[in-house]
Amino acid sequence: MSWLESAVLGLVQGLTEFLPVSSSAHLRFTSAFFFGHDAGSAFTAVSQLGTEFAVLLYFWPDIKRLVTAWFRGLRNRHERGYDYRLAWYVGLGSLPIGVAGLLFQDLIDGPARNLALNASVLIGFGLVLAAAEKYGRQRRGADQLTLRDGVLMGLGQMLALIPGVSRSGATTSAGLFLGLERAVAVRFSFLLALPAVFASGIYKLKDIGEPALPGQVTSSWGQIALATVIAFGVGYASIAWLLRYVENHTIYVFVWYRVLLGLVVLLAVLGGVVPAT
């Protein structure tokens, strides 16, 4: 991997991580179209640490409050209020993607990164996102989140192990189908991603610098550090924008973007412009 590619992918990661357009698919597409290979799942997972550090910083008051409430609730059952329950929802909702990531690691690292599959999934789940926006009642506020919401949104997050699904897209869609307000679903999606992404990124650190799989390229520690820092800076700047946007706009613009990009990639693969693997 070149330093230029590392910088470009860090920028792409920061710009797309929080949008319901699949940052992992964008890293896959960018690598294939502009650099002729696949940056690999390890690069994707570790560079996402940058954007999750941005979430950690941006939501630190909320996170600190939830963690404090959780420990207090463990010690004293009389202090098990809403924040205590919400902390459990985040933790339990993070389990499905962790279990699936360990069980299907070989598929995630290889076959799941097929460009034709990624483009098809980008289109398909874009339509799911559109259906969630159209049919979700959006009547339930933050104080009405339940354990069921956390688990079902966590199951949606699990699907994001396939590039093209989008972690935020899957969890937001699940939240909308469950009747949550759009801004509530997006905000909970941010919190739900933290345990899963940090665990995945730290686990994949062992693969940095190791020989790449066929069709993939090896990155150095310096290159992954550069991408992660860029992703952090760009990602932090984009969080506030997205939260403001979803409070006042529908998410159909992301649906159209997903469908158009997916069609372009599919045509490129079928036309032999880029290989599928």
Protein backbone atom coordinates (compact mmCIF):
# COMPACT_ATOMS: atom_id res chain seq x y z
CA MET A 1 0.00 0.00 0.00
CA SER A 2 1.23 3.49 -0.81
CA TRP A 3 1.08 6.45 1.57
CA LEU A 4 -1.26 8.21 -0.85
CA GLU A 5 -3.69 5.32 -0.77
CA SER A 6 -3.55 5.25 3.02
CA ALA A 7 -4.40 8.97 3.21
CA VAL A 8 -7.21 8.68 0.66
CA LEU A 9 -8.76 5.70 2.42
CA GLY A 10 -8.56 7.49 5.78
CA LEU A 11 -10.45 10.42 4.25
CA VAL A 12 -13.07 8.09 2.74
CA GLN A 13 -13.47 6.29 6.08
CA GLY A 14 -14.02 9.55 7.95
CA LEU A 15 -16.53 10.85 5.41
CA THR A 16 -18.64 7.70 5.15
CA GLU A 17 -18.51 5.91 8.51
CA PHE A 18 -21.51 7.66 10.02
CA LEU A 19 -23.61 7.90 6.86
CA PRO A 20 -25.91 4.97 5.97
CA VAL A 21 -23.85 4.22 2.85
CA SER A 22 -21.34 1.61 4.15
CA SER A 23 -17.84 2.90 4.80
CA SER A 24 -16.40 -0.61 4.35
CA ALA A 25 -17.90 -0.82 0.85
CA HIS A 26 -16.50 2.60 0.01
CA LEU A 27 -13.03 1.53 1.13
CA ARG A 28 -13.40 -1.60 -0.98
CA PHE A 29 -14.57 0.34 -4.05
CA THR A 30 -11.93 3.06 -3.71
CA SER A 31 -9.12 0.52 -3.41
CA ALA A 32 -10.34 -1.46 -6.41
CA PHE A 33 -11.07 1.42 -8.78
CA PHE A 34 -8.18 3.75 -7.99
CA PHE A 35 -5.44 1.49 -6.68
CA GLY A 36 -6.14 -1.87 -8.32
CA HIS A 37 -6.49 -4.10 -5.25
CA ASP A 38 -8.28 -4.62 -1.94
CA ALA A 39 -6.99 -2.90 1.20
CA GLY A 40 -8.31 -5.85 3.21
CA SER A 41 -10.60 -6.30 6.20
CA ALA A 42 -7.83 -5.61 8.74
CA PHE A 43 -7.19 -2.15 7.29
CA THR A 44 -10.93 -1.45 7.34
CA ALA A 45 -11.39 -2.59 10.93
CA VAL A 46 -8.37 -0.75 12.33
CA SER A 47 -9.00 2.51 10.47
CA GLN A 48 -12.51 2.51 11.91
CA LEU A 49 -10.92 2.99 15.32
CA GLY A 50 -10.26 6.57 14.27
CA THR A 51 -13.92 7.32 13.66
CA GLU A 52 -14.97 5.54 16.84
CA PHE A 53 -12.51 7.62 18.87
CA ALA A 54 -14.33 10.59 17.33
CA VAL A 55 -17.64 9.17 18.60
CA LEU A 56 -16.07 8.56 22.00
CA LEU A 57 -14.94 12.18 22.21
CA TYR A 58 -18.16 13.68 20.85
CA PHE A 59 -20.47 11.62 23.07
CA TRP A 60 -18.15 11.48 26.09
CA PRO A 61 -20.63 13.13 28.50
CA ASP A 62 -23.31 10.60 27.50
CA ILE A 63 -20.92 7.66 27.65
CA LYS A 64 -19.54 8.69 31.03
CA ARG A 65 -23.08 9.03 32.38
CA LEU A 66 -24.09 5.57 31.10
CA VAL A 67 -20.98 3.83 32.44
CA THR A 68 -21.36 5.53 35.82
CA ALA A 69 -25.04 4.59 35.99
CA TRP A 70 -24.25 0.99 35.07
CA PHE A 71 -21.70 0.55 37.87
CA ARG A 72 -24.00 2.26 40.38
CA GLY A 73 -26.87 0.02 39.32
CA LEU A 74 -24.75 -3.09 39.77
CA ARG A 75 -23.99 -2.06 43.34
CA ASN A 76 -27.42 -0.73 44.25
CA ARG A 77 -30.65 -1.99 42.67
CA HIS A 78 -32.44 1.20 43.75
CA GLU A 79 -30.31 3.19 41.27
CA ARG A 80 -31.26 1.14 38.23
CA GLY A 81 -32.88 3.90 36.22
CA TYR A 82 -33.06 4.67 32.51
CA ASP A 83 -29.30 5.20 32.00
CA TYR A 84 -28.54 1.88 33.70
CA ARG A 85 -30.95 0.07 31.39
CA LEU A 86 -29.66 1.92 28.31
CA ALA A 87 -26.10 0.82 29.12
CA TRP A 88 -27.31 -2.79 29.16
CA TYR A 89 -29.11 -2.27 25.83
CA VAL A 90 -25.86 -1.07 24.25
CA GLY A 91 -23.85 -3.94 25.70
CA LEU A 92 -26.29 -6.71 24.85
CA GLY A 93 -27.00 -5.22 21.42
CA SER A 94 -23.28 -5.42 20.64
CA LEU A 95 -23.07 -9.18 21.22
CA PRO A 96 -24.53 -10.46 17.90
CA ILE A 97 -21.90 -8.78 15.70
CA GLY A 98 -19.11 -9.95 18.00
CA VAL A 99 -20.23 -13.57 17.91
CA ALA A 100 -20.83 -13.54 14.15
CA GLY A 101 -17.48 -11.86 13.54
CA LEU A 102 -15.64 -14.67 15.31
CA LEU A 103 -17.69 -17.49 13.77
CA PHE A 104 -17.49 -16.25 10.18
CA GLN A 105 -14.07 -14.59 10.15
CA ASP A 106 -12.83 -16.48 7.07
CA LEU A 107 -15.92 -15.52 5.05
CA ILE A 108 -15.66 -11.90 6.17
CA ASP A 109 -11.99 -11.66 5.20
CA GLY A 110 -12.48 -13.26 1.77
CA PRO A 111 -15.73 -14.11 -0.06
CA ALA A 112 -17.76 -11.35 1.61
CA ARG A 113 -15.49 -8.76 -0.05
CA ASN A 114 -16.55 -9.71 -3.58
CA LEU A 115 -17.28 -6.46 -5.44
CA ALA A 116 -20.40 -7.75 -7.19
CA LEU A 117 -21.80 -8.94 -3.86
CA ASN A 118 -20.93 -5.64 -2.17
CA ALA A 119 -22.61 -3.60 -4.91
CA SER A 120 -25.72 -5.79 -4.87
CA VAL A 121 -25.99 -5.54 -1.10
CA LEU A 122 -25.50 -1.77 -1.31
CA ILE A 123 -28.53 -1.55 -3.59
CA GLY A 124 -30.66 -4.09 -1.72
CA PHE A 125 -30.20 -2.60 1.72
CA GLY A 126 -30.65 0.86 0.24
CA LEU A 127 -34.18 -0.23 -0.61
CA VAL A 128 -34.60 -1.57 2.94
CA LEU A 129 -33.55 1.86 4.22
CA ALA A 130 -36.14 3.49 1.96
CA ALA A 131 -38.86 1.18 3.27
CA ALA A 132 -37.89 1.95 6.85
CA GLU A 133 -38.08 5.69 6.19
CA LYS A 134 -41.45 5.36 4.46
CA TYR A 135 -43.20 2.92 6.78
CA GLY A 136 -41.52 3.59 10.14
CA ARG A 137 -43.98 5.42 12.39
CA GLN A 138 -41.28 7.39 14.25
CA ARG A 139 -43.44 7.95 17.31
CA ARG A 140 -41.17 6.68 20.07
CA GLY A 141 -38.64 8.95 21.77
CA ALA A 142 -35.36 8.21 23.54
CA ASP A 143 -37.12 7.51 26.85
CA GLN A 144 -39.06 4.67 25.20
CA LEU A 145 -36.08 2.56 24.13
CA THR A 146 -36.37 -1.05 25.30
CA LEU A 147 -34.19 -4.14 25.52
CA ARG A 148 -36.02 -5.49 22.47
CA ASP A 149 -34.95 -2.43 20.50
CA GLY A 150 -31.33 -2.88 21.53
CA VAL A 151 -31.22 -6.56 20.60
CA LEU A 152 -33.01 -6.16 17.25
CA MET A 153 -30.87 -3.18 16.27
CA GLY A 154 -27.85 -5.25 17.31
CA LEU A 155 -28.95 -8.05 14.99
CA GLY A 156 -29.19 -5.47 12.22
CA GLN A 157 -25.67 -4.30 13.02
CA MET A 158 -24.46 -7.89 12.64
CA LEU A 159 -25.36 -7.80 8.93
CA ALA A 160 -22.86 -4.96 8.44
CA LEU A 161 -20.04 -7.52 8.49
CA ILE A 162 -20.77 -7.70 4.74
CA PRO A 163 -19.42 -4.54 3.04
CA GLY A 164 -22.34 -2.74 1.46
CA VAL A 165 -24.88 -3.23 4.24
CA SER A 166 -23.73 -0.26 6.39
CA ARG A 167 -23.68 -0.49 10.16
CA SER A 168 -25.49 2.82 10.62
CA GLY A 169 -27.89 1.99 7.78
CA ALA A 170 -28.83 -1.39 9.23
CA THR A 171 -29.27 -0.17 12.80
CA THR A 172 -31.13 2.97 11.76
CA SER A 173 -33.46 0.92 9.53
CA ALA A 174 -34.17 -1.47 12.39
CA GLY A 175 -34.87 1.46 14.70
CA LEU A 176 -37.25 3.09 12.23
CA PHE A 177 -39.13 -0.18 11.67
CA LEU A 178 -39.46 -0.42 15.46
CA GLY A 179 -41.13 2.99 15.51
CA LEU A 180 -38.27 5.05 16.94
CA GLU A 181 -37.83 8.65 15.90
CA ARG A 182 -35.13 9.04 13.25
CA ALA A 183 -32.79 11.11 15.44
CA VAL A 184 -33.20 8.62 18.33
CA ALA A 185 -32.38 5.66 16.10
CA VAL A 186 -29.29 7.40 14.69
CA ARG A 187 -28.04 8.48 18.10
CA PHE A 188 -28.45 4.98 19.56
CA SER A 189 -26.69 3.63 16.45
CA PHE A 190 -23.62 5.70 17.35
CA LEU A 191 -23.52 4.26 20.86
CA LEU A 192 -24.20 0.71 19.68
CA ALA A 193 -21.23 0.81 17.30
CA LEU A 194 -18.65 1.66 19.97
CA PRO A 195 -18.13 -1.74 21.66
CA ALA A 196 -18.27 -3.68 18.38
CA VAL A 197 -15.92 -1.45 16.37
CA PHE A 198 -13.37 -1.08 19.15
CA ALA A 199 -13.34 -4.85 19.72
CA SER A 200 -13.00 -5.56 15.99
CA GLY A 201 -10.27 -2.97 15.47
CA ILE A 202 -8.20 -4.13 18.42
CA TYR A 203 -8.60 -7.78 17.37
CA LYS A 204 -7.46 -7.00 13.81
CA LEU A 205 -4.33 -5.15 14.96
CA LYS A 206 -2.55 -8.50 14.89
CA ASP A 207 -3.02 -8.71 11.11
CA ILE A 208 -1.37 -5.37 10.26
CA GLY A 209 1.85 -6.01 8.37
CA GLU A 210 1.05 -9.70 7.84
CA PRO A 211 1.08 -11.21 4.31
CA ALA A 212 -2.08 -10.25 2.46
CA LEU A 213 -4.68 -12.62 1.02
CA PRO A 214 -4.78 -12.98 -2.79
CA GLY A 215 -5.99 -9.73 -4.35
CA GLN A 216 -5.32 -7.79 -1.16
CA VAL A 217 -2.41 -5.51 -0.24
CA THR A 218 -0.36 -5.29 2.95
CA SER A 219 -0.25 -2.03 4.90
CA SER A 220 2.40 -0.91 7.39
CA TRP A 221 1.84 0.35 10.92
CA GLY A 222 2.70 3.88 9.79
CA GLN A 223 0.19 3.78 6.95
CA ILE A 224 -2.62 2.48 9.11
CA ALA A 225 -1.78 5.13 11.72
CA LEU A 226 -2.03 7.87 9.08
CA ALA A 227 -5.40 6.59 7.85
CA THR A 228 -6.72 6.30 11.41
CA VAL A 229 -5.73 9.86 12.34
CA ILE A 230 -7.30 11.29 9.19
CA ALA A 231 -10.46 9.24 9.78
CA PHE A 232 -10.65 10.61 13.32
CA GLY A 233 -10.43 14.26 12.25
CA VAL A 234 -12.84 14.01 9.34
CA GLY A 235 -15.20 11.74 11.26
CA TYR A 236 -15.44 14.11 14.23
CA ALA A 237 -16.35 16.98 11.92
CA SER A 238 -19.12 14.94 10.28
CA ILE A 239 -20.93 13.72 13.43
CA ALA A 240 -22.61 17.02 14.31
CA TRP A 241 -23.61 17.58 10.69
CA LEU A 242 -25.33 14.19 10.45
CA LEU A 243 -27.21 14.59 13.72
CA ARG A 244 -28.54 17.97 12.60
CA TYR A 245 -29.39 16.64 9.16
CA VAL A 246 -31.50 13.67 10.31
CA GLU A 247 -33.52 15.87 12.66
CA ASN A 248 -34.84 17.90 9.73
CA HIS A 249 -34.52 15.72 6.60
CA THR A 250 -35.49 12.29 5.36
CA ILE A 251 -32.74 9.84 4.42
CA TYR A 252 -33.91 9.21 0.86
CA VAL A 253 -30.86 11.04 -0.54
CA PHE A 254 -28.69 8.23 0.83
CA VAL A 255 -30.98 5.64 -0.73
CA TRP A 256 -30.60 7.17 -4.20
CA TYR A 257 -26.86 7.46 -3.72
CA ARG A 258 -26.56 3.79 -2.70
CA VAL A 259 -28.59 2.58 -5.67
CA LEU A 260 -26.67 4.67 -8.21
CA LEU A 261 -23.26 3.76 -6.83
CA GLY A 262 -24.18 0.08 -6.63
CA LEU A 263 -25.31 0.08 -10.28
CA VAL A 264 -22.08 1.79 -11.39
CA VAL A 265 -19.95 -0.79 -9.57
CA LEU A 266 -22.01 -3.72 -10.91
CA LEU A 267 -21.67 -2.45 -14.47
CA ALA A 268 -17.93 -1.98 -13.99
CA VAL A 269 -17.54 -5.56 -12.73
CA LEU A 270 -19.72 -7.04 -15.50
CA GLY A 271 -17.85 -4.97 -18.09
CA GLY A 272 -14.50 -6.19 -16.89
CA VAL A 273 -13.32 -2.74 -15.76
CA VAL A 274 -12.41 -4.13 -12.34
CA PRO A 275 -12.22 -7.75 -11.13
CA ALA A 276 -14.82 -8.88 -8.63
CA THR A 277 -12.17 -10.22 -6.25
